[in-house]
């Protein structure tokens, strides 16, 4: 079999993370993802965090987010650039962007224009707050989405300021939702023959992740639970525990798993103790539960503790840092850590595809250099000659 999305042509106008995380998934699954970039600057994330920016070498930030894509330079502020883009849209399936609301319309290539060019086009956009509502014109980056979406309001310890999650969840979760929307629209197009517009808001996407915690909101009489760090005082055990060389987490809900834990750490004496009769009872006595577990974990290394407890059917995980993750055998065997070669960075490791299809193996290719595929794509898609391309370059269109 070929790739799952083989033959799908995606025009990618995304930058930084919120959009690029969506299009990299499409690229992993076999779509032909063409980044359309400004000839002078490229994707704004290309050199944003590069220690070799002055040498014109892409950052690892960009490389990790843009594997399995091609790059075409096109000045969309020029009339000729817009004309060429519309010609590309005629032969494309999907257009993706994460510009501020109104940017595409300001350029004259919003959905109302592009659907006239190609009625089958899927037009997908991720923004901070969507195209309607009182916040629609507000600027947004990941930390803002985590705040207004509710994630920061429940993360951290009560004595400290609200805390963002260490990675860009506001970007990546919105991008994943956008990908689901694109695939749904493509499926619907198979039945109707028509494209459509998809919009995903970062605030909506973060808020959507809070569904399970609203159980506790209602249990507490529509009051927001206080921030409690890694634990929850409503159930136990559900916390991080010190080890000789770091931390592990233990989290469980059912009584059989609790009994497994007691037997594993040599606390059979607590079997049948009414203080620990169910998750809520254990939550009431969480300090006793946490002390009991940490007394055991503190005498062991984190990987030893994880292996021992997990092998006895106790949900336990070592807290791994970025270096440990790149060296993690589980991730390597699942091809989540792979070695690739970049034309300027040389060989380095990269994160693989989290979606595994039994009949469509994912091949990882390095992120493209700025404009690396311009001539190839414009000549094949639009039948432009070498002379045409030379003239466009002289006119700073590409």
Protein backbone atom coordinates (compact mmCIF):
# COMPACT_ATOMS: atom_id res chain seq x y z
CA UNK A 1 0.00 0.00 0.00
CA UNK A 2 0.98 3.62 -0.49
CA UNK A 3 0.88 6.30 2.17
CA UNK A 4 -2.46 6.94 3.86
CA UNK A 5 -2.73 10.51 2.50
CA UNK A 6 -0.74 9.96 -0.68
CA UNK A 7 -1.87 12.34 -3.43
CA UNK A 8 -3.24 14.93 -1.01
CA UNK A 9 -1.75 18.34 -1.76
CA UNK A 10 -1.53 20.80 1.14
CA UNK A 11 -0.51 24.45 0.85
CA UNK A 12 0.99 25.32 4.22
CA UNK A 13 1.10 29.00 5.19
CA UNK A 14 1.72 28.28 8.86
CA UNK A 15 4.45 29.61 11.14
CA UNK A 16 5.77 28.97 14.64
CA UNK A 17 3.80 26.06 16.22
CA UNK A 18 0.01 26.23 16.14
CA UNK A 19 -0.28 25.48 12.42
CA UNK A 20 2.99 23.67 11.74
CA UNK A 21 2.12 20.94 14.24
CA UNK A 22 -0.97 20.19 12.17
CA UNK A 23 0.76 20.11 8.81
CA UNK A 24 3.63 17.96 10.05
CA UNK A 25 1.08 15.28 10.98
CA UNK A 26 -0.38 15.48 7.47
CA UNK A 27 3.13 15.19 6.05
CA UNK A 28 3.92 12.16 8.22
CA UNK A 29 0.79 10.47 6.90
CA UNK A 30 1.87 10.95 3.30
CA UNK A 31 0.38 14.25 2.19
CA UNK A 32 2.44 16.47 -0.12
CA UNK A 33 2.87 19.45 2.22
CA UNK A 34 4.19 22.58 0.50
CA UNK A 35 5.26 25.41 2.80
CA UNK A 36 4.61 28.73 1.10
CA UNK A 37 7.09 31.18 2.63
CA UNK A 38 8.12 34.79 2.29
CA UNK A 39 11.26 34.92 0.08
CA UNK A 40 13.06 37.30 2.44
CA UNK A 41 12.27 35.84 5.87
CA UNK A 42 10.54 32.49 5.50
CA UNK A 43 8.43 31.04 8.31
CA UNK A 44 8.87 33.40 11.27
CA UNK A 45 10.02 30.43 13.35
CA UNK A 46 12.85 29.46 10.98
CA UNK A 47 15.56 31.51 12.63
CA UNK A 48 13.70 32.69 15.75
CA UNK A 49 15.63 30.48 18.15
CA UNK A 50 18.71 29.66 16.09
CA UNK A 51 22.16 30.11 17.59
CA UNK A 52 23.36 30.30 13.97
CA UNK A 53 20.88 32.84 12.70
CA UNK A 54 23.62 35.08 11.30
CA UNK A 55 24.80 32.13 9.20
CA UNK A 56 21.29 31.56 7.86
CA UNK A 57 21.05 28.11 9.47
CA UNK A 58 17.60 27.00 10.58
CA UNK A 59 16.87 26.50 14.26
CA UNK A 60 16.18 23.06 15.69
CA UNK A 61 12.86 24.60 16.71
CA UNK A 62 11.97 24.88 13.02
CA UNK A 63 13.50 21.55 12.03
CA UNK A 64 11.50 19.61 14.63
CA UNK A 65 8.23 21.18 13.46
CA UNK A 66 8.67 20.98 9.68
CA UNK A 67 9.88 17.52 8.75
CA UNK A 68 8.33 15.86 5.68
CA UNK A 69 7.54 19.18 3.99
CA UNK A 70 8.73 21.08 0.92
CA UNK A 71 9.41 24.82 0.73
CA UNK A 72 8.34 27.29 -1.94
CA UNK A 73 9.07 31.00 -1.67
CA UNK A 74 6.29 33.31 -2.80
CA UNK A 75 5.69 36.96 -2.01
CA UNK A 76 1.98 37.03 -1.23
CA UNK A 77 2.02 40.81 -0.87
CA UNK A 78 2.75 41.17 -4.58
CA UNK A 79 0.00 40.90 -7.18
CA UNK A 80 2.00 38.34 -9.16
CA UNK A 81 2.60 36.30 -6.00
CA UNK A 82 -1.13 36.22 -5.22
CA UNK A 83 -1.89 35.25 -8.80
CA UNK A 84 0.55 32.33 -8.64
CA UNK A 85 -0.83 31.24 -5.26
CA UNK A 86 -4.36 31.12 -6.66
CA UNK A 87 -3.11 28.99 -9.53
CA UNK A 88 -1.59 26.62 -6.97
CA UNK A 89 -4.90 26.54 -5.06
CA UNK A 90 -6.63 25.27 -8.21
CA UNK A 91 -4.52 22.10 -7.95
CA UNK A 92 -4.49 21.80 -4.15
CA UNK A 93 -6.76 20.07 -1.66
CA UNK A 94 -6.07 21.95 1.55
CA UNK A 95 -4.85 25.42 2.55
CA UNK A 96 -3.71 25.84 6.17
CA UNK A 97 -2.76 29.04 8.00
CA UNK A 98 -2.41 30.35 11.54
CA UNK A 99 -2.27 34.07 10.83
CA UNK A 100 -4.18 36.60 12.93
CA UNK A 101 -7.85 36.97 12.08
CA UNK A 102 -8.26 39.03 8.90
CA UNK A 103 -4.71 38.58 7.57
CA UNK A 104 -5.64 36.26 4.72
CA UNK A 105 -8.59 38.47 3.80
CA UNK A 106 -6.30 41.50 3.86
CA UNK A 107 -4.00 39.76 1.39
CA UNK A 108 -6.98 39.02 -0.86
CA UNK A 109 -6.74 35.25 -0.44
CA UNK A 110 -9.33 34.53 2.25
CA UNK A 111 -11.76 31.62 2.01
CA UNK A 112 -14.41 33.62 0.12
CA UNK A 113 -11.87 34.23 -2.64
CA UNK A 114 -10.24 30.80 -2.66
CA UNK A 115 -13.50 28.84 -2.77
CA UNK A 116 -14.32 30.66 -6.01
CA UNK A 117 -10.93 29.60 -7.36
CA UNK A 118 -11.47 25.98 -6.24
CA UNK A 119 -14.87 25.00 -4.76
CA UNK A 120 -13.35 21.76 -3.45
CA UNK A 121 -10.66 23.47 -1.38
CA UNK A 122 -10.50 22.75 2.36
CA UNK A 123 -9.52 26.01 4.08
CA UNK A 124 -8.25 25.46 7.63
CA UNK A 125 -7.22 28.15 10.10
CA UNK A 126 -6.16 28.14 13.74
CA UNK A 127 -6.29 31.40 15.70
CA UNK A 128 -6.27 32.44 19.32
CA UNK A 129 -9.99 33.05 19.74
CA UNK A 130 -11.68 32.28 16.43
CA UNK A 131 -13.40 34.62 14.00
CA UNK A 132 -16.32 35.63 16.23
CA UNK A 133 -16.89 36.46 19.88
CA UNK A 134 -15.69 39.44 21.96
CA UNK A 135 -12.06 38.22 21.96
CA UNK A 136 -11.78 37.57 18.22
CA UNK A 137 -9.31 40.40 17.52
CA UNK A 138 -7.10 39.76 20.55
CA UNK A 139 -3.54 38.57 19.84
CA UNK A 140 -2.63 35.18 21.26
CA UNK A 141 0.41 33.02 21.90
CA UNK A 142 0.57 29.70 23.72
CA UNK A 143 0.89 31.12 27.24
CA UNK A 144 -2.18 33.29 26.64
CA UNK A 145 -4.19 30.27 25.44
CA UNK A 146 -3.14 28.27 28.50
CA UNK A 147 -4.32 31.12 30.72
CA UNK A 148 -7.68 31.94 29.14
CA UNK A 149 -8.41 28.29 28.37
CA UNK A 150 -8.22 27.37 32.06
CA UNK A 151 -5.08 25.23 32.14
CA UNK A 152 -2.94 27.67 34.13
CA UNK A 153 -5.77 28.23 36.59
CA UNK A 154 -5.45 24.65 37.75
CA UNK A 155 -1.70 24.11 37.37
CA UNK A 156 0.87 24.76 40.07
CA UNK A 157 0.79 25.11 43.86
CA UNK A 158 -1.57 27.45 45.74
CA UNK A 159 1.28 29.42 47.33
CA UNK A 160 2.84 30.13 43.90
CA UNK A 161 1.57 31.95 40.78
CA UNK A 162 -0.51 29.95 38.27
CA UNK A 163 1.87 27.92 36.13
CA UNK A 164 1.92 27.14 32.43
CA UNK A 165 2.68 23.65 31.19
CA UNK A 166 6.31 23.45 30.05
CA UNK A 167 5.53 22.78 26.39
CA UNK A 168 3.24 24.58 23.94
CA UNK A 169 -0.01 22.75 24.61
CA UNK A 170 -2.10 25.73 23.50
CA UNK A 171 -0.45 25.44 20.10
CA UNK A 172 -0.17 21.68 19.75
CA UNK A 173 -3.64 20.72 20.99
CA UNK A 174 -5.24 23.32 18.72
CA UNK A 175 -3.15 21.97 15.84
CA UNK A 176 -4.25 18.40 16.55
CA UNK A 177 -7.88 19.54 16.56
CA UNK A 178 -7.26 21.31 13.25
CA UNK A 179 -5.89 18.08 11.76
CA UNK A 180 -8.99 16.18 12.88
CA UNK A 181 -11.13 18.88 11.27
CA UNK A 182 -9.19 18.66 8.01
CA UNK A 183 -9.57 14.87 7.84
CA UNK A 184 -13.29 15.16 8.65
CA UNK A 185 -13.78 17.76 5.91
CA UNK A 186 -11.92 15.58 3.41
CA UNK A 187 -14.16 12.63 4.30
CA UNK A 188 -17.27 14.78 3.87
CA UNK A 189 -15.96 16.09 0.57
CA UNK A 190 -15.85 12.52 -0.72
CA UNK A 191 -19.63 12.44 -0.29
CA UNK A 192 -20.57 16.00 -1.31
CA UNK A 193 -17.81 17.04 -3.70
CA UNK A 194 -17.56 20.36 -1.87
CA UNK A 195 -14.87 21.88 0.31
CA UNK A 196 -15.44 23.95 3.42
CA UNK A 197 -13.84 26.27 5.94
CA UNK A 198 -12.49 24.95 9.26
CA UNK A 199 -11.63 27.16 12.19
CA UNK A 200 -10.07 26.12 15.49
CA UNK A 201 -9.46 28.49 18.40
CA UNK A 202 -6.63 27.94 20.87
CA UNK A 203 -8.79 28.98 23.83
CA UNK A 204 -11.50 26.51 22.79
CA UNK A 205 -8.93 23.75 22.43
CA UNK A 206 -7.43 24.19 25.89
CA UNK A 207 -10.88 24.53 27.47
CA UNK A 208 -11.89 21.29 25.75
CA UNK A 209 -9.18 19.41 27.69
CA UNK A 210 -10.84 20.31 31.01
CA UNK A 211 -13.85 18.03 30.54
CA UNK A 212 -12.79 15.45 33.18
CA UNK A 213 -11.96 18.02 35.88
CA UNK A 214 -15.45 19.52 35.77
CA UNK A 215 -16.51 16.44 37.70
CA UNK A 216 -14.69 17.94 40.70
CA UNK A 217 -16.13 21.39 39.96
CA UNK A 218 -19.65 20.01 40.37
CA UNK A 219 -18.67 17.83 43.34
CA UNK A 220 -17.56 21.03 45.09
CA UNK A 221 -20.82 22.86 44.42
CA UNK A 222 -19.69 24.76 41.33
CA UNK A 223 -16.54 26.02 43.03
CA UNK A 224 -13.16 25.97 41.32
CA UNK A 225 -10.85 23.50 43.11
CA UNK A 226 -7.63 25.04 44.40
CA UNK A 227 -4.37 24.34 42.62
CA UNK A 228 -2.64 21.41 44.31
CA UNK A 229 0.48 20.82 42.22
CA UNK A 230 1.00 17.20 41.21
CA UNK A 231 -1.50 15.80 43.70
CA UNK A 232 -5.21 16.03 44.08
CA UNK A 233 -6.66 16.08 47.58
CA UNK A 234 -9.85 14.44 46.34
CA UNK A 235 -8.24 11.11 45.44
CA UNK A 236 -4.99 9.34 46.34
CA UNK A 237 -2.43 8.25 45.44
CA UNK A 238 -2.00 10.76 42.64
CA UNK A 239 1.29 12.58 43.11
CA UNK A 240 5.02 12.72 42.46
CA UNK A 241 7.41 11.00 44.86
CA UNK A 242 11.11 11.49 45.52
CA UNK A 243 13.61 8.82 44.56
CA UNK A 244 17.37 8.61 45.06
CA UNK A 245 17.99 10.24 41.67
CA UNK A 246 14.82 12.13 40.81
CA UNK A 247 11.09 11.55 40.89
CA UNK A 248 8.40 9.07 39.95
CA UNK A 249 4.65 9.52 39.76
CA UNK A 250 2.04 7.07 40.96
CA UNK A 251 -1.60 7.53 40.02
CA UNK A 252 -4.41 5.02 40.47
CA UNK A 253 -8.14 4.94 41.02
CA UNK A 254 -9.38 1.41 41.56
CA UNK A 255 -9.15 -0.68 44.71
CA UNK A 256 -7.47 -3.67 42.98
CA UNK A 257 -4.65 -1.35 41.85
CA UNK A 258 -4.38 0.03 45.39
CA UNK A 259 -4.04 -3.49 46.71
CA UNK A 260 -1.32 -4.18 44.11
CA UNK A 261 0.56 -1.12 45.37
CA UNK A 262 0.34 -2.11 49.03
CA UNK A 263 1.65 -5.58 48.28
CA UNK A 264 4.45 -4.22 46.08
CA UNK A 265 5.78 -1.82 48.73
CA UNK A 266 5.38 -4.28 51.59
CA UNK A 267 2.42 -2.59 53.28
CA UNK A 268 0.03 -5.52 53.36
CA UNK A 269 -0.82 -4.38 56.89
CA UNK A 270 -2.94 -1.61 55.33
CA UNK A 271 -5.17 -4.00 53.38
CA UNK A 272 -8.69 -3.58 54.72
CA UNK A 273 -7.90 -0.30 56.51
CA UNK A 274 -11.08 1.81 56.38
CA UNK A 275 -9.06 5.00 55.87
CA UNK A 276 -8.14 3.68 52.43
CA UNK A 277 -11.43 2.02 51.50
CA UNK A 278 -11.88 3.89 48.18
CA UNK A 279 -10.24 6.70 46.18
CA UNK A 280 -12.14 9.46 48.00
CA UNK A 281 -11.30 8.01 51.41
CA UNK A 282 -7.67 7.79 50.40
CA UNK A 283 -7.91 11.39 49.22
CA UNK A 284 -9.05 12.45 52.67
CA UNK A 285 -5.94 10.76 54.08
CA UNK A 286 -3.64 11.72 51.19
CA UNK A 287 -0.81 12.81 53.49
CA UNK A 288 -0.62 9.34 55.04
CA UNK A 289 -0.82 7.70 51.61
CA UNK A 290 1.89 9.95 50.14
CA UNK A 291 4.21 9.43 53.09
CA UNK A 292 3.83 5.67 52.86
CA UNK A 293 4.72 5.63 49.16
CA UNK A 294 7.62 8.09 49.40
CA UNK A 295 9.15 6.12 52.24
CA UNK A 296 9.48 3.27 49.72
CA UNK A 297 10.45 5.26 46.58
CA UNK A 298 13.10 7.37 48.35
CA UNK A 299 15.25 4.27 48.81
CA UNK A 300 15.35 3.46 45.09
CA UNK A 301 16.40 4.95 41.76
CA UNK A 302 13.52 6.24 39.65
CA UNK A 303 13.87 3.69 36.82
CA UNK A 304 14.17 0.86 39.36
CA UNK A 305 11.02 2.07 41.15
CA UNK A 306 9.10 2.41 37.89
CA UNK A 307 10.12 -1.02 36.61
CA UNK A 308 9.35 -2.74 39.89
CA UNK A 309 5.92 -1.17 40.42
CA UNK A 310 4.82 -1.33 36.78
CA UNK A 311 5.71 -5.02 36.58
CA UNK A 312 3.34 -5.55 39.53
CA UNK A 313 0.50 -3.76 37.76
CA UNK A 314 0.87 -0.43 39.55
CA UNK A 315 0.66 2.67 37.30
CA UNK A 316 4.01 4.35 37.87
CA UNK A 317 6.25 6.50 35.68
CA UNK A 318 9.69 7.99 36.09
CA UNK A 319 9.90 11.74 35.45
CA UNK A 320 12.23 11.91 32.44
CA UNK A 321 14.07 14.98 31.22
CA UNK A 322 14.78 15.85 27.57
CA UNK A 323 18.17 14.10 27.51
CA UNK A 324 16.73 10.94 29.06
CA UNK A 325 13.90 10.95 26.51
CA UNK A 326 16.29 11.08 23.56
CA UNK A 327 18.10 8.07 25.04
CA UNK A 328 14.92 6.19 26.02
CA UNK A 329 14.81 2.67 24.60
CA UNK A 330 11.00 2.53 24.55
CA UNK A 331 10.81 5.66 22.39
CA UNK A 332 13.61 4.43 20.13
CA UNK A 333 11.96 1.08 19.51
CA UNK A 334 8.70 2.84 18.68
CA UNK A 335 10.59 5.11 16.26
CA UNK A 336 9.66 8.19 18.23
CA UNK A 337 13.36 9.03 18.43
CA UNK A 338 15.06 8.79 15.04
CA UNK A 339 18.30 9.97 13.49
CA UNK A 340 18.08 12.04 10.32
CA UNK A 341 20.51 14.18 8.35
CA UNK A 342 20.00 17.88 7.75
CA UNK A 343 21.95 19.51 4.88
CA UNK A 344 23.46 22.12 7.22
CA UNK A 345 23.06 20.65 10.70
CA UNK A 346 24.33 17.21 9.76
CA UNK A 347 23.12 14.10 11.59
CA UNK A 348 20.89 14.65 14.62
CA UNK A 349 17.96 13.06 16.40
CA UNK A 350 14.38 14.11 15.84
CA UNK A 351 10.96 13.21 17.19
CA UNK A 352 9.06 10.74 15.01
CA UNK A 353 5.37 10.28 14.21
CA UNK A 354 3.04 9.39 17.11
CA UNK A 355 0.47 7.79 14.79
CA UNK A 356 1.22 4.20 13.77
CA UNK A 357 -0.64 2.73 10.79
CA UNK A 358 -0.13 -0.97 10.10
CA UNK A 359 -0.26 -0.56 6.30
CA UNK A 360 1.33 2.85 5.88
CA UNK A 361 4.84 3.15 7.29
CA UNK A 362 6.00 6.69 8.03
CA UNK A 363 9.30 7.81 6.56
CA UNK A 364 10.85 10.89 8.17
CA UNK A 365 12.58 13.47 5.98
CA UNK A 366 14.39 16.55 7.22
CA UNK A 367 12.75 19.97 7.15
CA UNK A 368 13.39 21.84 3.89
CA UNK A 369 15.75 24.77 3.48
CA UNK A 370 14.05 28.06 2.62
CA UNK A 371 12.84 27.86 -0.98
CA UNK A 372 14.54 24.51 -1.53
CA UNK A 373 11.71 23.22 -3.73
CA UNK A 374 10.55 26.44 -5.40
CA UNK A 375 11.69 25.64 -8.93
CA UNK A 376 10.63 21.99 -8.73
CA UNK A 377 7.10 22.74 -7.54
CA UNK A 378 6.31 25.82 -9.60
CA UNK A 379 7.53 24.14 -12.75
CA UNK A 380 5.58 20.93 -12.10
CA UNK A 381 2.38 22.49 -10.71
CA UNK A 382 2.19 25.60 -12.90
CA UNK A 383 4.29 24.57 -15.93
CA UNK A 384 6.66 27.52 -15.46
CA UNK A 385 9.86 27.52 -17.50
CA UNK A 386 13.37 28.29 -16.29
CA UNK A 387 13.05 31.72 -17.90
CA UNK A 388 9.76 32.32 -16.06
CA UNK A 389 11.37 31.37 -12.75
CA UNK A 390 14.40 33.58 -13.38
CA UNK A 391 12.15 36.55 -14.11
CA UNK A 392 10.05 35.92 -10.98
CA UNK A 393 13.20 35.84 -8.89
CA UNK A 394 14.42 39.10 -10.40
CA UNK A 395 11.05 40.65 -9.57
CA UNK A 396 11.36 39.31 -5.98
CA UNK A 397 8.13 37.36 -6.35
CA UNK A 398 9.93 34.14 -5.38
